[in-house]
Structure formats: C-alpha cells, structure tokens
Amino acid sequence: HGVLQPIVVRRKGDGMYELIAGERRFRAAKIAGLSTIPVLVRNSNDEKALAIALVENIQRENLNPMEEAKAYSRLMGEFGLTQDLVSRSVGKDRSSIANIIRLLSLPKDVQEYIETGAISLGHAKVLAGLPTPAAQLQLARKIVSEQLSVRQIEQMIAVHKKGKFAKSKKEEPNRFRNLEEQFRKRLGTKVQVKSGNRGGQVIIHYFSDDELDRITSLVLE
C-alpha cells in the first residue's frame, strides 16, 4: 500500500532537506524499496508548523522511550516549549514527560539497551534514580544478562540501601568509643560522646575540685 501519511521535512539549503517527522515511515519505505514517498515541505522559519508536525509524529508513531525522549528534548530545546506545554501538546502529564527526558542522562550503553528493547521503560526509570553512571551501567548489564524484572531490581536496591544504613548505624558507636578512649587517655578521666538529631554532647566526668582544675588546664593549654 506504500506510505499513506506524508513525512515532514524542511529545506536546509544546497538542495538538502532535514527530516522533521516520520523517521520510521522513511526507514520502512527504504527497506521496502520505494523510490518515492509523499512529503510535506515546511519553511525553515515556520517554527510553529514544525513543532506541530513533530508533536503529531510523537502521537502517531510507535516510538520507543529513547526516541520519545529525544523528541521531547527537541521540542524544548529547538522550539522553546516548556515541559508543561509539551505535556499538554502530546496529552501526557508533566511527570511522565520529565521521567522520559531523564533517560537522556543515562549512559550511552544503557540508552542502547532501551532502544533495542533489552531494557523496558520501567527498568529505565529505576536506573535513572541511581546516583552514578557507573551504578546505572552495572545494574543495566545485570538486568540484561539475568533477565531481571523491575520488581526484582527494586528489591535489590532496597536491600542494598538498607545494608548501607545498617552498616553506618553500626559504625557510629565504634567511632564514638574510639573518641571516648582518646579523650580518656588525654584527660585522664571518663569522657562520654553522645550523638543526637541536632548535634551531640561531649561529657567530661570529674570527681573533685582539684581534678576539675587539672582537666581545665589540659583543655585550655
């Protein structure tokens, strides 16, 4: 049946054209061996028409998440649309647009996994929340090699965070005990170090006025 819906291009000069909308239709036409396809040529200065064409392309084409992210980014960068305008234009809530655009910050290898379908959008959203590109790439490779579900990686991250929290809570008393021992050796008396939500206390014990004078001289010397 050929290509029924025209692709959209704009003139670039020297007889060249830039593809604005319909990349999938263009690729499919090439694969099918079509020598001609219907084309709409927009003026390069007709920003509104170009933006509308790109929005229509997003709504019409079955884009993968990375293609969608690049299209939204282009609407914002090249045509000056805000996230709010993009969300209203394509009929999606703003948080969905923001989550999709975040995918562009993922490492290139991870983006390729998303483009090929090796990693789902659900996986990608979880990966985007990790603190470093190295962590994102490491987990992405694990997802692909072990065929992990979104639920499984969420549980893995939760266990990891819980382990780090437990470790830090365990290390804190040890650090305080070391400090107390250093104070005891320096001042020759019992010292307690206590931590609270808004700081802490260092409590120095003394058992006579003479001992207080001795400790004071050590602290102030």
C-alpha atoms as a PDB file:
ATOM      1  CA  HIS A   1       0.000   0.000   0.000  1.00  0.00           C
ATOM      2  CA  GLY A   2       3.035   2.327   0.254  1.00  0.00           C
ATOM      3  CA  VAL A   3       3.384   5.234   2.656  1.00  0.00           C
ATOM      4  CA  LEU A   4      -0.047   6.762   3.247  1.00  0.00           C
ATOM      5  CA  GLN A   5       0.937   9.525   5.690  1.00  0.00           C
ATOM      6  CA  PRO A   6       3.491  12.069   4.384  1.00  0.00           C
ATOM      7  CA  ILE A   7       6.771  12.578   6.172  1.00  0.00           C
ATOM      8  CA  VAL A   8       7.649  16.183   7.106  1.00  0.00           C
ATOM      9  CA  VAL A   9      10.908  17.875   6.075  1.00  0.00           C
ATOM     10  CA  ARG A  10      12.344  21.383   5.894  1.00  0.00           C
ATOM     11  CA  ARG A  11      14.837  22.885   3.463  1.00  0.00           C
ATOM     12  CA  LYS A  12      18.426  23.112   4.658  1.00  0.00           C
ATOM     13  CA  GLY A  13      19.953  24.762   1.563  1.00  0.00           C
ATOM     14  CA  ASP A  14      22.013  23.369  -1.335  1.00  0.00           C
ATOM     15  CA  GLY A  15      19.122  21.107  -2.241  1.00  0.00           C
ATOM     16  CA  MET A  16      19.267  19.300   1.115  1.00  0.00           C
ATOM     17  CA  TYR A  17      16.342  18.616   3.452  1.00  0.00           C
ATOM     18  CA  GLU A  18      16.097  17.855   7.172  1.00  0.00           C
ATOM     19  CA  LEU A  19      13.664  15.182   8.332  1.00  0.00           C
ATOM     20  CA  ILE A  20      11.310  16.612  10.963  1.00  0.00           C
ATOM     21  CA  ALA A  21       8.725  13.874  11.408  1.00  0.00           C
ATOM     22  CA  GLY A  22       8.223  10.377  10.066  1.00  0.00           C
ATOM     23  CA  GLU A  23      11.632   8.758  10.524  1.00  0.00           C
ATOM     24  CA  ARG A  24      10.128   5.289  10.945  1.00  0.00           C
ATOM     25  CA  ARG A  25       7.999   5.689   7.818  1.00  0.00           C
ATOM     26  CA  PHE A  26      11.080   6.883   5.923  1.00  0.00           C
ATOM     27  CA  ARG A  27      13.153   3.875   7.046  1.00  0.00           C
ATOM     28  CA  ALA A  28      10.315   1.474   6.250  1.00  0.00           C
ATOM     29  CA  ALA A  29      10.000   2.962   2.750  1.00  0.00           C
ATOM     30  CA  LYS A  30      13.729   2.452   2.132  1.00  0.00           C
ATOM     31  CA  ILE A  31      13.528  -1.163   3.309  1.00  0.00           C
ATOM     32  CA  ALA A  32      10.512  -1.716   1.056  1.00  0.00           C
ATOM     33  CA  GLY A  33      12.488  -0.340  -1.899  1.00  0.00           C
ATOM     34  CA  LEU A  34      10.122   2.568  -2.581  1.00  0.00           C
ATOM     35  CA  SER A  35      11.652   5.206  -4.859  1.00  0.00           C
ATOM     36  CA  THR A  36       9.161   7.952  -3.955  1.00  0.00           C
ATOM     37  CA  ILE A  37       7.096   8.758  -0.880  1.00  0.00           C
ATOM     38  CA  PRO A  38       4.712  11.625  -0.022  1.00  0.00           C
ATOM     39  CA  VAL A  39       6.479  14.560   1.644  1.00  0.00           C
ATOM     40  CA  LEU A  40       5.350  17.814   3.242  1.00  0.00           C
ATOM     41  CA  VAL A  41       7.997  20.544   2.928  1.00  0.00           C
ATOM     42  CA  ARG A  42       7.854  23.170   5.677  1.00  0.00           C
ATOM     43  CA  ASN A  43       9.611  26.536   5.658  1.00  0.00           C
ATOM     44  CA  SER A  44      12.651  26.545   7.936  1.00  0.00           C
ATOM     45  CA  ASN A  45      11.374  29.694   9.671  1.00  0.00           C
ATOM     46  CA  ASP A  46       7.887  28.281  10.292  1.00  0.00           C
ATOM     47  CA  GLU A  47       8.689  27.160  13.834  1.00  0.00           C
ATOM     48  CA  LYS A  48       5.064  26.692  14.869  1.00  0.00           C
ATOM     49  CA  ALA A  49       4.272  24.399  11.938  1.00  0.00           C
ATOM     50  CA  LEU A  50       7.438  22.394  12.540  1.00  0.00           C
ATOM     51  CA  ALA A  51       6.634  21.979  16.226  1.00  0.00           C
ATOM     52  CA  ILE A  52       3.089  20.856  15.394  1.00  0.00           C
ATOM     53  CA  ALA A  53       4.460  18.339  12.886  1.00  0.00           C
ATOM     54  CA  LEU A  54       6.836  16.934  15.497  1.00  0.00           C
ATOM     55  CA  VAL A  55       4.031  16.656  18.072  1.00  0.00           C
ATOM     56  CA  GLU A  56       1.833  14.856  15.538  1.00  0.00           C
ATOM     57  CA  ASN A  57       4.702  12.484  14.796  1.00  0.00           C
ATOM     58  CA  ILE A  58       5.082  11.650  18.508  1.00  0.00           C
ATOM     59  CA  GLN A  59       1.378  10.905  18.762  1.00  0.00           C
ATOM     60  CA  ARG A  60       1.233   8.873  15.536  1.00  0.00           C
ATOM     61  CA  GLU A  61       4.428   6.825  15.593  1.00  0.00           C
ATOM     62  CA  ASN A  62       5.013   3.900  17.940  1.00  0.00           C
ATOM     63  CA  LEU A  63       8.201   5.438  19.340  1.00  0.00           C
ATOM     64  CA  ASN A  64      10.477   3.641  21.760  1.00  0.00           C
ATOM     65  CA  PRO A  65      11.234   5.512  25.018  1.00  0.00           C
ATOM     66  CA  MET A  66      14.560   6.913  23.755  1.00  0.00           C
ATOM     67  CA  GLU A  67      13.006   8.215  20.531  1.00  0.00           C
ATOM     68  CA  GLU A  68      10.266   9.790  22.621  1.00  0.00           C
ATOM     69  CA  ALA A  69      12.808  11.390  24.986  1.00  0.00           C
ATOM     70  CA  LYS A  70      14.764  12.874  22.070  1.00  0.00           C
ATOM     71  CA  ALA A  71      11.570  14.236  20.514  1.00  0.00           C
ATOM     72  CA  TYR A  72      10.526  15.939  23.768  1.00  0.00           C
ATOM     73  CA  SER A  73      14.031  17.322  24.225  1.00  0.00           C
ATOM     74  CA  ARG A  74      13.942  18.709  20.709  1.00  0.00           C
ATOM     75  CA  LEU A  75      10.586  20.386  21.286  1.00  0.00           C
ATOM     76  CA  MET A  76      12.026  22.074  24.364  1.00  0.00           C
ATOM     77  CA  GLY A  77      15.486  22.899  23.011  1.00  0.00           C
ATOM     78  CA  GLU A  78      14.833  23.756  19.371  1.00  0.00           C
ATOM     79  CA  PHE A  79      11.298  25.101  19.581  1.00  0.00           C
ATOM     80  CA  GLY A  80      11.379  26.585  23.083  1.00  0.00           C
ATOM     81  CA  LEU A  81       8.444  24.668  24.556  1.00  0.00           C
ATOM     82  CA  THR A  82       8.271  24.202  28.322  1.00  0.00           C
ATOM     83  CA  GLN A  83       7.629  20.787  29.884  1.00  0.00           C
ATOM     84  CA  ASP A  84       4.112  21.969  30.675  1.00  0.00           C
ATOM     85  CA  LEU A  85       3.443  22.898  27.028  1.00  0.00           C
ATOM     86  CA  VAL A  86       4.922  19.613  25.824  1.00  0.00           C
ATOM     87  CA  SER A  87       2.730  17.639  28.230  1.00  0.00           C
ATOM     88  CA  ARG A  88      -0.402  19.443  27.067  1.00  0.00           C
ATOM     89  CA  SER A  89       0.574  19.104  23.399  1.00  0.00           C
ATOM     90  CA  VAL A  90       1.056  15.328  23.499  1.00  0.00           C
ATOM     91  CA  GLY A  91      -1.653  14.619  26.083  1.00  0.00           C
ATOM     92  CA  LYS A  92       0.588  13.272  28.839  1.00  0.00           C
ATOM     93  CA  ASP A  93       1.063  14.534  32.375  1.00  0.00           C
ATOM     94  CA  ARG A  94       4.151  16.589  33.155  1.00  0.00           C
ATOM     95  CA  SER A  95       5.755  13.997  35.434  1.00  0.00           C
ATOM     96  CA  SER A  96       5.651  11.442  32.603  1.00  0.00           C
ATOM     97  CA  ILE A  97       7.425  13.894  30.296  1.00  0.00           C
ATOM     98  CA  ALA A  98      10.059  14.635  32.956  1.00  0.00           C
ATOM     99  CA  ASN A  99      10.670  10.918  33.572  1.00  0.00           C
ATOM    100  CA  ILE A 100      11.102  10.234  29.866  1.00  0.00           C
ATOM    101  CA  ILE A 101      13.515  13.158  29.382  1.00  0.00           C
ATOM    102  CA  ARG A 102      15.629  11.899  32.308  1.00  0.00           C
ATOM    103  CA  LEU A 103      16.512   8.877  30.179  1.00  0.00           C
ATOM    104  CA  LEU A 104      18.797  11.133  28.117  1.00  0.00           C
ATOM    105  CA  SER A 105      21.099  11.437  31.154  1.00  0.00           C
ATOM    106  CA  LEU A 106      21.713   7.671  31.230  1.00  0.00           C
ATOM    107  CA  PRO A 107      24.995   6.260  29.833  1.00  0.00           C
ATOM    108  CA  LYS A 108      25.002   5.639  26.069  1.00  0.00           C
ATOM    109  CA  ASP A 109      25.204   1.863  26.509  1.00  0.00           C
ATOM    110  CA  VAL A 110      22.111   1.938  28.723  1.00  0.00           C
ATOM    111  CA  GLN A 111      20.277   4.088  26.160  1.00  0.00           C
ATOM    112  CA  GLU A 112      21.086   1.479  23.508  1.00  0.00           C
ATOM    113  CA  TYR A 113      19.605  -1.253  25.715  1.00  0.00           C
ATOM    114  CA  ILE A 114      16.406   0.805  25.927  1.00  0.00           C
ATOM    115  CA  GLU A 115      16.313   1.469  22.170  1.00  0.00           C
ATOM    116  CA  THR A 116      16.654  -2.231  21.351  1.00  0.00           C
ATOM    117  CA  GLY A 117      14.066  -3.264  23.937  1.00  0.00           C
ATOM    118  CA  ALA A 118      16.555  -5.176  26.090  1.00  0.00           C
ATOM    119  CA  ILE A 119      15.502  -2.902  28.960  1.00  0.00           C
ATOM    120  CA  SER A 120      11.935  -1.689  29.489  1.00  0.00           C
ATOM    121  CA  LEU A 121      10.810   1.814  30.399  1.00  0.00           C
ATOM    122  CA  GLY A 122      10.080   0.544  33.918  1.00  0.00           C
ATOM    123  CA  HIS A 123      13.672  -0.668  34.249  1.00  0.00           C
ATOM    124  CA  ALA A 124      14.958   2.618  32.837  1.00  0.00           C
ATOM    125  CA  LYS A 125      13.038   4.725  35.360  1.00  0.00           C
ATOM    126  CA  VAL A 126      14.620   2.759  38.223  1.00  0.00           C
ATOM    127  CA  LEU A 127      18.095   3.080  36.676  1.00  0.00           C
ATOM    128  CA  ALA A 128      17.658   6.851  36.282  1.00  0.00           C
ATOM    129  CA  GLY A 129      17.269   7.102  40.066  1.00  0.00           C
ATOM    130  CA  LEU A 130      20.691   5.587  40.791  1.00  0.00           C
ATOM    131  CA  PRO A 131      23.394   8.036  41.930  1.00  0.00           C
ATOM    132  CA  THR A 132      26.173   7.413  39.366  1.00  0.00           C
ATOM    133  CA  PRO A 133      26.515   6.415  35.687  1.00  0.00           C
ATOM    134  CA  ALA A 134      28.737   3.510  36.764  1.00  0.00           C
ATOM    135  CA  ALA A 135      25.993   2.130  39.026  1.00  0.00           C
ATOM    136  CA  GLN A 136      23.409   2.604  36.269  1.00  0.00           C
ATOM    137  CA  LEU A 137      25.515   0.729  33.712  1.00  0.00           C
ATOM    138  CA  GLN A 138      26.426  -2.064  36.120  1.00  0.00           C
ATOM    139  CA  LEU A 139      22.804  -2.751  37.027  1.00  0.00           C
ATOM    140  CA  ALA A 140      21.672  -2.421  33.401  1.00  0.00           C
ATOM    141  CA  ARG A 141      24.105  -5.155  32.357  1.00  0.00           C
ATOM    142  CA  LYS A 142      22.859  -7.324  35.213  1.00  0.00           C
ATOM    143  CA  ILE A 143      19.243  -6.792  34.106  1.00  0.00           C
ATOM    144  CA  VAL A 144      20.088  -7.887  30.562  1.00  0.00           C
ATOM    145  CA  SER A 145      22.282 -10.864  31.481  1.00  0.00           C
ATOM    146  CA  GLU A 146      19.977 -12.225  34.200  1.00  0.00           C
ATOM    147  CA  GLN A 147      16.642 -11.108  32.691  1.00  0.00           C
ATOM    148  CA  LEU A 148      15.638  -9.374  35.919  1.00  0.00           C
ATOM    149  CA  SER A 149      12.169  -7.880  36.354  1.00  0.00           C
ATOM    150  CA  VAL A 150      11.523  -4.328  37.532  1.00  0.00           C
ATOM    151  CA  ARG A 151      10.302  -5.687  40.865  1.00  0.00           C
ATOM    152  CA  GLN A 152      13.499  -7.693  41.324  1.00  0.00           C
ATOM    153  CA  ILE A 153      15.799  -4.723  40.777  1.00  0.00           C
ATOM    154  CA  GLU A 154      13.681  -2.534  43.071  1.00  0.00           C
ATOM    155  CA  GLN A 155      14.107  -5.167  45.789  1.00  0.00           C
ATOM    156  CA  MET A 156      17.865  -5.379  45.129  1.00  0.00           C
ATOM    157  CA  ILE A 157      18.247  -1.611  45.504  1.00  0.00           C
ATOM    158  CA  ALA A 158      16.123  -1.573  48.675  1.00  0.00           C
ATOM    159  CA  VAL A 159      18.245  -4.330  50.260  1.00  0.00           C
ATOM    160  CA  HIS A 160      21.437  -2.509  49.265  1.00  0.00           C
ATOM    161  CA  LYS A 161      20.246   0.767  50.799  1.00  0.00           C
ATOM    162  CA  LYS A 162      19.109  -1.000  53.968  1.00  0.00           C
ATOM    163  CA  GLY A 163      22.508  -2.683  54.257  1.00  0.00           C
ATOM    164  CA  LYS A 164      24.345   0.625  53.881  1.00  0.00           C
ATOM    165  CA  PHE A 165      22.104   2.245  56.509  1.00  0.00           C
ATOM    166  CA  ALA A 166      22.621  -0.641  58.937  1.00  0.00           C
ATOM    167  CA  LYS A 167      26.370  -0.509  58.357  1.00  0.00           C
ATOM    168  CA  SER A 168      26.535   3.233  59.051  1.00  0.00           C
ATOM    169  CA  LYS A 169      24.475   2.836  62.233  1.00  0.00           C
ATOM    170  CA  LYS A 170      26.804   0.043  63.341  1.00  0.00           C
ATOM    171  CA  GLU A 171      29.952   2.047  62.607  1.00  0.00           C
ATOM    172  CA  GLU A 172      28.763   5.131  64.520  1.00  0.00           C
ATOM    173  CA  PRO A 173      29.057   3.660  68.082  1.00  0.00           C
ATOM    174  CA  ASN A 174      32.531   2.326  67.231  1.00  0.00           C
ATOM    175  CA  ARG A 175      33.646   5.800  66.184  1.00  0.00           C
ATOM    176  CA  PHE A 176      32.306   7.306  69.405  1.00  0.00           C
ATOM    177  CA  ARG A 177      34.027   4.645  71.520  1.00  0.00           C
ATOM    178  CA  ASN A 178      37.322   5.430  69.825  1.00  0.00           C
ATOM    179  CA  LEU A 179      36.857   9.139  70.526  1.00  0.00           C
ATOM    180  CA  GLU A 180      35.974   8.452  74.164  1.00  0.00           C
ATOM    181  CA  GLU A 181      39.133   6.384  74.557  1.00  0.00           C
ATOM    182  CA  GLN A 182      41.283   9.147  73.041  1.00  0.00           C
ATOM    183  CA  PHE A 183      39.734  11.736  75.372  1.00  0.00           C
ATOM    184  CA  ARG A 184      40.252   9.424  78.379  1.00  0.00           C
ATOM    185  CA  LYS A 185      43.942   8.998  77.598  1.00  0.00           C
ATOM    186  CA  ARG A 186      44.395  12.721  77.036  1.00  0.00           C
ATOM    187  CA  LEU A 187      42.425  13.962  80.066  1.00  0.00           C
ATOM    188  CA  GLY A 188      42.878  11.030  82.440  1.00  0.00           C
ATOM    189  CA  THR A 189      39.177  10.742  83.246  1.00  0.00           C
ATOM    190  CA  LYS A 190      35.962   9.259  81.902  1.00  0.00           C
ATOM    191  CA  VAL A 191      34.550  11.064  78.822  1.00  0.00           C
ATOM    192  CA  GLN A 192      31.273  10.299  77.015  1.00  0.00           C
ATOM    193  CA  VAL A 193      30.433  11.274  73.430  1.00  0.00           C
ATOM    194  CA  LYS A 194      26.717  11.268  72.616  1.00  0.00           C
ATOM    195  CA  SER A 195      25.021  11.936  69.272  1.00  0.00           C
ATOM    196  CA  GLY A 196      21.571  13.451  68.745  1.00  0.00           C
ATOM    197  CA  ASN A 197      19.381  14.598  65.865  1.00  0.00           C
ATOM    198  CA  ARG A 198      20.690  18.161  66.147  1.00  0.00           C
ATOM    199  CA  GLY A 199      24.272  17.626  67.166  1.00  0.00           C
ATOM    200  CA  GLY A 200      25.578  15.927  70.266  1.00  0.00           C
ATOM    201  CA  GLN A 201      27.382  16.216  73.596  1.00  0.00           C
ATOM    202  CA  VAL A 202      30.854  15.602  74.978  1.00  0.00           C
ATOM    203  CA  ILE A 203      30.538  14.897  78.732  1.00  0.00           C
ATOM    204  CA  ILE A 204      33.707  15.092  80.835  1.00  0.00           C
ATOM    205  CA  HIS A 205      33.471  13.492  84.295  1.00  0.00           C
ATOM    206  CA  TYR A 206      35.428  14.771  87.307  1.00  0.00           C
ATOM    207  CA  PHE A 207      35.332  13.685  90.948  1.00  0.00           C
ATOM    208  CA  SER A 208      36.873  16.596  92.857  1.00  0.00           C
ATOM    209  CA  ASP A 209      37.624  20.285  92.535  1.00  0.00           C
ATOM    210  CA  ASP A 210      41.322  19.523  92.134  1.00  0.00           C
ATOM    211  CA  GLU A 211      40.574  17.153  89.266  1.00  0.00           C
ATOM    212  CA  LEU A 212      38.390  19.807  87.627  1.00  0.00           C
ATOM    213  CA  ASP A 213      41.281  22.283  87.803  1.00  0.00           C
ATOM    214  CA  ARG A 214      43.642  19.697  86.280  1.00  0.00           C
ATOM    215  CA  ILE A 215      41.248  18.895  83.413  1.00  0.00           C
ATOM    216  CA  THR A 216      40.594  22.593  82.795  1.00  0.00           C
ATOM    217  CA  SER A 217      44.291  23.313  82.453  1.00  0.00           C
ATOM    218  CA  LEU A 218      44.668  20.434  79.978  1.00  0.00           C
ATOM    219  CA  VAL A 219      41.730  21.592  77.880  1.00  0.00           C
ATOM    220  CA  LEU A 220      42.766  25.249  77.834  1.00  0.00           C
ATOM    221  CA  GLU A 221      46.510  24.840  77.459  1.00  0.00           C
END
